[in-house]
N, C-alpha and C. Protein backbone atom coordinates (compact mmCIF):
# COMPACT_ATOMS: atom_id res chain seq x y z
N MET A 1 2.09 -7.01 8.84
CA MET A 1 1.39 -6.56 7.66
C MET A 1 0.06 -7.32 7.59
N GLN A 2 -0.99 -6.60 7.29
CA GLN A 2 -2.31 -7.20 7.13
C GLN A 2 -2.79 -6.96 5.71
N LEU A 3 -3.35 -7.99 5.10
CA LEU A 3 -3.95 -7.87 3.78
C LEU A 3 -5.45 -7.82 3.93
N VAL A 4 -6.11 -6.94 3.21
CA VAL A 4 -7.56 -6.85 3.20
C VAL A 4 -8.01 -7.43 1.87
N ILE A 5 -8.70 -8.56 1.91
CA ILE A 5 -9.06 -9.31 0.71
C ILE A 5 -10.57 -9.43 0.60
N ASP A 6 -11.09 -9.21 -0.62
CA ASP A 6 -12.52 -9.39 -0.88
C ASP A 6 -12.85 -10.86 -0.70
N PRO A 7 -13.72 -11.20 0.24
CA PRO A 7 -14.04 -12.61 0.48
C PRO A 7 -14.76 -13.27 -0.69
N GLY A 8 -15.44 -12.49 -1.51
CA GLY A 8 -16.17 -13.08 -2.63
C GLY A 8 -15.30 -13.40 -3.82
N SER A 9 -14.40 -12.46 -4.18
CA SER A 9 -13.59 -12.64 -5.39
C SER A 9 -12.14 -13.02 -5.10
N GLY A 10 -11.68 -12.78 -3.87
CA GLY A 10 -10.29 -13.05 -3.55
C GLY A 10 -9.35 -11.94 -3.98
N GLU A 11 -9.90 -10.81 -4.49
CA GLU A 11 -9.06 -9.69 -4.92
C GLU A 11 -8.51 -8.94 -3.72
N LEU A 12 -7.27 -8.46 -3.87
CA LEU A 12 -6.63 -7.67 -2.83
C LEU A 12 -7.21 -6.27 -2.85
N TRP A 13 -7.70 -5.79 -1.71
CA TRP A 13 -8.28 -4.45 -1.61
C TRP A 13 -7.32 -3.47 -0.97
N ALA A 14 -6.55 -3.91 0.02
CA ALA A 14 -5.67 -2.98 0.74
C ALA A 14 -4.61 -3.75 1.50
N VAL A 15 -3.58 -3.00 1.91
CA VAL A 15 -2.51 -3.52 2.75
C VAL A 15 -2.31 -2.52 3.87
N GLN A 16 -2.22 -2.99 5.11
CA GLN A 16 -1.92 -2.09 6.21
C GLN A 16 -0.81 -2.68 7.06
N HIS A 17 0.03 -1.78 7.56
CA HIS A 17 1.16 -2.18 8.39
C HIS A 17 0.80 -1.92 9.85
N VAL A 18 0.94 -2.94 10.67
CA VAL A 18 0.60 -2.81 12.08
C VAL A 18 1.75 -3.23 12.98
N ALA A 19 2.97 -3.25 12.45
CA ALA A 19 4.14 -3.60 13.26
C ALA A 19 4.25 -2.61 14.41
N PRO A 20 4.78 -3.05 15.53
CA PRO A 20 4.88 -2.15 16.68
C PRO A 20 5.68 -0.88 16.36
N VAL A 21 5.14 0.25 16.73
CA VAL A 21 5.79 1.56 16.57
C VAL A 21 5.75 2.23 17.93
N PRO A 22 6.88 2.75 18.40
CA PRO A 22 6.87 3.41 19.71
C PRO A 22 5.80 4.50 19.78
N GLY A 23 5.00 4.47 20.83
CA GLY A 23 3.97 5.47 21.04
C GLY A 23 2.60 5.06 20.51
N LEU A 24 2.51 3.98 19.76
CA LEU A 24 1.22 3.50 19.24
C LEU A 24 0.90 2.14 19.83
N ALA A 25 -0.39 1.87 20.03
CA ALA A 25 -0.81 0.54 20.47
C ALA A 25 -0.44 -0.46 19.38
N GLN A 26 -0.19 -1.71 19.75
CA GLN A 26 0.28 -2.71 18.79
C GLN A 26 -0.67 -2.98 17.64
N VAL A 27 -1.95 -2.74 17.80
CA VAL A 27 -2.91 -3.07 16.74
C VAL A 27 -3.28 -1.86 15.88
N VAL A 28 -2.64 -0.70 16.10
CA VAL A 28 -2.97 0.51 15.35
C VAL A 28 -2.22 0.52 14.03
N PRO A 29 -2.94 0.55 12.88
CA PRO A 29 -2.24 0.65 11.59
C PRO A 29 -1.51 1.98 11.48
N TRP A 30 -0.25 1.95 11.10
CA TRP A 30 0.51 3.19 10.94
C TRP A 30 0.74 3.53 9.49
N SER A 31 0.37 2.65 8.61
CA SER A 31 0.46 2.89 7.17
C SER A 31 -0.55 1.99 6.48
N ALA A 32 -1.26 2.54 5.50
CA ALA A 32 -2.23 1.75 4.75
C ALA A 32 -2.16 2.14 3.28
N SER A 33 -2.32 1.16 2.41
CA SER A 33 -2.34 1.40 0.97
C SER A 33 -3.58 0.74 0.39
N ILE A 34 -4.30 1.48 -0.43
CA ILE A 34 -5.49 0.94 -1.09
C ILE A 34 -5.10 0.50 -2.49
N VAL A 35 -5.55 -0.67 -2.88
CA VAL A 35 -5.27 -1.19 -4.21
C VAL A 35 -6.44 -0.84 -5.11
N ARG A 36 -6.20 0.07 -6.08
CA ARG A 36 -7.27 0.48 -6.99
C ARG A 36 -7.44 -0.51 -8.12
N LYS A 37 -6.34 -1.02 -8.63
CA LYS A 37 -6.40 -1.97 -9.73
C LYS A 37 -5.14 -2.80 -9.71
N ALA A 38 -5.27 -4.09 -9.79
CA ALA A 38 -4.12 -4.98 -9.80
C ALA A 38 -4.01 -5.63 -11.19
N GLY A 39 -2.80 -5.74 -11.66
CA GLY A 39 -2.59 -6.40 -12.95
C GLY A 39 -1.17 -6.22 -13.41
N TRP A 40 -0.84 -6.81 -14.54
CA TRP A 40 0.50 -6.74 -15.12
C TRP A 40 0.55 -5.62 -16.14
N SER A 41 1.73 -4.99 -16.25
CA SER A 41 1.90 -3.92 -17.22
C SER A 41 3.37 -3.83 -17.62
N ASP A 42 3.62 -3.36 -18.84
CA ASP A 42 4.97 -3.09 -19.30
C ASP A 42 5.30 -1.61 -19.20
N VAL A 43 4.38 -0.80 -18.67
CA VAL A 43 4.56 0.64 -18.57
C VAL A 43 5.24 0.96 -17.25
N ARG A 44 6.31 1.79 -17.31
CA ARG A 44 7.01 2.19 -16.09
C ARG A 44 6.15 3.17 -15.29
N PRO A 45 6.17 3.08 -13.96
CA PRO A 45 5.41 4.03 -13.15
C PRO A 45 6.04 5.42 -13.22
N VAL A 46 5.23 6.44 -13.04
CA VAL A 46 5.68 7.83 -13.07
C VAL A 46 5.27 8.48 -11.76
N PRO A 47 6.23 9.13 -11.06
CA PRO A 47 5.85 9.81 -9.81
C PRO A 47 4.83 10.91 -10.10
N PRO A 48 3.92 11.18 -9.16
CA PRO A 48 2.93 12.22 -9.35
C PRO A 48 3.59 13.60 -9.53
N ALA A 49 2.95 14.47 -10.27
CA ALA A 49 3.47 15.84 -10.46
C ALA A 49 3.63 16.51 -9.10
N GLY A 50 4.73 17.21 -8.91
CA GLY A 50 4.95 17.92 -7.66
C GLY A 50 5.46 17.07 -6.53
N CYS A 51 5.78 15.82 -6.80
CA CYS A 51 6.27 14.92 -5.75
C CYS A 51 7.67 15.36 -5.33
N LYS A 52 7.83 15.70 -4.07
CA LYS A 52 9.13 16.15 -3.56
C LYS A 52 9.76 15.02 -2.77
N GLY A 53 11.02 14.77 -3.05
CA GLY A 53 11.72 13.72 -2.33
C GLY A 53 11.44 12.33 -2.86
N CYS A 54 10.78 12.24 -4.02
CA CYS A 54 10.52 10.92 -4.60
C CYS A 54 11.86 10.33 -5.04
N SER A 55 12.09 9.11 -4.67
CA SER A 55 13.33 8.46 -5.08
C SER A 55 13.01 7.03 -5.44
N GLY A 56 13.92 6.44 -6.17
CA GLY A 56 13.72 5.07 -6.58
C GLY A 56 13.99 4.92 -8.06
N THR A 57 13.78 3.72 -8.54
CA THR A 57 13.96 3.44 -9.96
C THR A 57 12.59 3.38 -10.60
N TYR A 58 12.34 4.28 -11.54
CA TYR A 58 11.03 4.33 -12.18
C TYR A 58 11.15 3.93 -13.63
């Protein structure tokens, strides 16, 4: 897992997974997530409208 951090503020910008996956070079990210806003909240997350196969505790 690689973290992409703003060098000026130290804020997390993104996370990418680069663990070995058959058929991909070892350094190729196979999953990436962009962090739009980080913070604490008491509000439960809601899956996006039309999300098929969404599972988990929300």
